[in-house]
Structures are given as C-alpha cells and as structure tokens.
Amino acid sequence: MWIMATARKCINILKKTLHKIIFRIKLWEMDKKWELMGGRCWQLFPPSFYYTHTEEEIEQAINKIKETLESYEKSIDE
C-alpha cells in the first residue's frame, strides 16, 4: 500500500516538473517570436517577463529604468 502512495507522489512530482519545463519552453518560443518581429525596438521587456513577474515588480523595473535614464540626461546636460 505504501508503495502505491510513494509511486503516486513521484508521478505527481514528475508531472509538475514536466509542466514547468513545458511552460518555460513556451515562454522561450514566445520570446524568440517577439524578437524576430522586432519587439526589442518597441518594448522594454519580452513577453515572458510579464508572465513571470508581478505587476509591482514590473513597475519597480520600469521606475528603475526611468531613474537611470533621468540620471543619464542630467549627466549629459552638465
């Protein structure tokens, strides 16, 4: 009986791992299509960034980029 339970746990772990790997592959393919379509010219982050980060993390990243650009502008003006 305990062998069956252990086997089920192992199978569930393998299924979860497989789903994570498949999800990462889909994100990678999505990013490659985005890159081929010229996404780097028009958007800050690839699509996978928006799938793997929360809205707060995205806002923090955008604010950090804005601060960096503002500091570059100030250094150019001086």
C-alpha atoms as a PDB file:
ATOM      1  CA  MET A   1       0.000   0.000   0.000  1.00  0.00           C
ATOM      2  CA  TRP A   2       2.754   2.466   0.858  1.00  0.00           C
ATOM      3  CA  ILE A   3       4.467   1.623  -2.430  1.00  0.00           C
ATOM      4  CA  MET A   4       1.409   2.840  -4.350  1.00  0.00           C
ATOM      5  CA  ALA A   5       1.315   6.091  -2.375  1.00  0.00           C
ATOM      6  CA  THR A   6       5.015   6.677  -2.959  1.00  0.00           C
ATOM      7  CA  ALA A   7       4.612   5.933  -6.662  1.00  0.00           C
ATOM      8  CA  ARG A   8       1.724   8.427  -6.923  1.00  0.00           C
ATOM      9  CA  LYS A   9       3.797  11.117  -5.207  1.00  0.00           C
ATOM     10  CA  CYS A  10       6.690  10.502  -7.576  1.00  0.00           C
ATOM     11  CA  ILE A  11       4.409  10.621 -10.595  1.00  0.00           C
ATOM     12  CA  ASN A  12       2.833  13.884  -9.390  1.00  0.00           C
ATOM     13  CA  ILE A  13       6.269  15.429  -8.869  1.00  0.00           C
ATOM     14  CA  LEU A  14       7.308  14.368 -12.361  1.00  0.00           C
ATOM     15  CA  LYS A  15       4.098  15.790 -13.861  1.00  0.00           C
ATOM     16  CA  LYS A  16       4.621  19.147 -12.123  1.00  0.00           C
ATOM     17  CA  THR A  17       8.224  19.268 -13.264  1.00  0.00           C
ATOM     18  CA  LEU A  18       7.206  18.425 -16.822  1.00  0.00           C
ATOM     19  CA  HIS A  19       4.565  21.194 -16.811  1.00  0.00           C
ATOM     20  CA  LYS A  20       7.155  23.707 -15.569  1.00  0.00           C
ATOM     21  CA  ILE A  21       9.590  22.688 -18.297  1.00  0.00           C
ATOM     22  CA  ILE A  22       6.903  22.899 -20.987  1.00  0.00           C
ATOM     23  CA  PHE A  23       5.853  26.334 -19.699  1.00  0.00           C
ATOM     24  CA  ARG A  24       9.464  27.578 -19.853  1.00  0.00           C
ATOM     25  CA  ILE A  25       9.818  26.244 -23.408  1.00  0.00           C
ATOM     26  CA  LYS A  26       6.626  28.057 -24.444  1.00  0.00           C
ATOM     27  CA  LEU A  27       7.933  31.282 -22.896  1.00  0.00           C
ATOM     28  CA  TRP A  28      11.240  30.870 -24.722  1.00  0.00           C
ATOM     29  CA  GLU A  29       9.445  30.307 -28.044  1.00  0.00           C
ATOM     30  CA  MET A  30       7.238  33.332 -27.388  1.00  0.00           C
ATOM     31  CA  ASP A  31      10.310  35.491 -26.714  1.00  0.00           C
ATOM     32  CA  LYS A  32      12.009  34.288 -29.890  1.00  0.00           C
ATOM     33  CA  LYS A  33       8.946  35.145 -31.996  1.00  0.00           C
ATOM     34  CA  TRP A  34       8.779  38.532 -30.279  1.00  0.00           C
ATOM     35  CA  GLU A  35      12.450  39.124 -31.063  1.00  0.00           C
ATOM     36  CA  LEU A  36      12.029  38.116 -34.725  1.00  0.00           C
ATOM     37  CA  MET A  37       9.105  40.524 -35.086  1.00  0.00           C
ATOM     38  CA  GLY A  38      11.263  43.423 -33.883  1.00  0.00           C
ATOM     39  CA  GLY A  39       9.971  43.595 -30.340  1.00  0.00           C
ATOM     40  CA  ARG A  40      13.277  44.835 -28.935  1.00  0.00           C
ATOM     41  CA  CYS A  41      12.798  48.086 -30.832  1.00  0.00           C
ATOM     42  CA  TRP A  42       9.394  48.926 -29.386  1.00  0.00           C
ATOM     43  CA  GLN A  43       9.017  47.314 -25.969  1.00  0.00           C
ATOM     44  CA  LEU A  44      11.068  47.308 -22.795  1.00  0.00           C
ATOM     45  CA  PHE A  45      10.694  43.671 -21.819  1.00  0.00           C
ATOM     46  CA  PRO A  46       9.947  40.411 -23.621  1.00  0.00           C
ATOM     47  CA  PRO A  47       6.535  38.779 -23.124  1.00  0.00           C
ATOM     48  CA  SER A  48       7.918  36.178 -20.710  1.00  0.00           C
ATOM     49  CA  PHE A  49       8.849  38.968 -18.295  1.00  0.00           C
ATOM     50  CA  TYR A  50       5.190  39.899 -17.934  1.00  0.00           C
ATOM     51  CA  TYR A  51       4.184  36.264 -17.361  1.00  0.00           C
ATOM     52  CA  THR A  52       6.835  35.605 -14.705  1.00  0.00           C
ATOM     53  CA  HIS A  53       6.715  38.854 -12.688  1.00  0.00           C
ATOM     54  CA  THR A  54       4.003  40.551 -10.663  1.00  0.00           C
ATOM     55  CA  GLU A  55       2.655  43.989 -11.504  1.00  0.00           C
ATOM     56  CA  GLU A  56       4.601  45.505  -8.603  1.00  0.00           C
ATOM     57  CA  GLU A  57       7.876  44.004  -9.847  1.00  0.00           C
ATOM     58  CA  ILE A  58       7.185  45.298 -13.357  1.00  0.00           C
ATOM     59  CA  GLU A  59       6.502  48.794 -12.010  1.00  0.00           C
ATOM     60  CA  GLN A  60       9.706  48.696  -9.963  1.00  0.00           C
ATOM     61  CA  ALA A  61      11.715  47.663 -13.018  1.00  0.00           C
ATOM     62  CA  ILE A  62      10.181  50.429 -15.124  1.00  0.00           C
ATOM     63  CA  ASN A  63      10.812  53.017 -12.398  1.00  0.00           C
ATOM     64  CA  LYS A  64      14.425  51.882 -12.102  1.00  0.00           C
ATOM     65  CA  ILE A  65      14.886  52.290 -15.861  1.00  0.00           C
ATOM     66  CA  LYS A  66      13.279  55.744 -15.741  1.00  0.00           C
ATOM     67  CA  GLU A  67      15.612  56.808 -12.903  1.00  0.00           C
ATOM     68  CA  THR A  68      18.628  55.580 -14.831  1.00  0.00           C
ATOM     69  CA  LEU A  69      17.563  57.471 -17.951  1.00  0.00           C
ATOM     70  CA  GLU A  70      16.964  60.639 -15.924  1.00  0.00           C
ATOM     71  CA  SER A  71      20.418  60.382 -14.366  1.00  0.00           C
ATOM     72  CA  TYR A  72      21.918  59.973 -17.854  1.00  0.00           C
ATOM     73  CA  GLU A  73      20.018  63.048 -19.046  1.00  0.00           C
ATOM     74  CA  LYS A  74      21.325  65.076 -16.098  1.00  0.00           C
ATOM     75  CA  SER A  75      24.905  63.981 -16.756  1.00  0.00           C
ATOM     76  CA  ILE A  76      24.561  64.932 -20.431  1.00  0.00           C
ATOM     77  CA  ASP A  77      23.127  68.362 -19.552  1.00  0.00           C
ATOM     78  CA  GLU A  78      26.020  69.139 -17.229  1.00  0.00           C
END
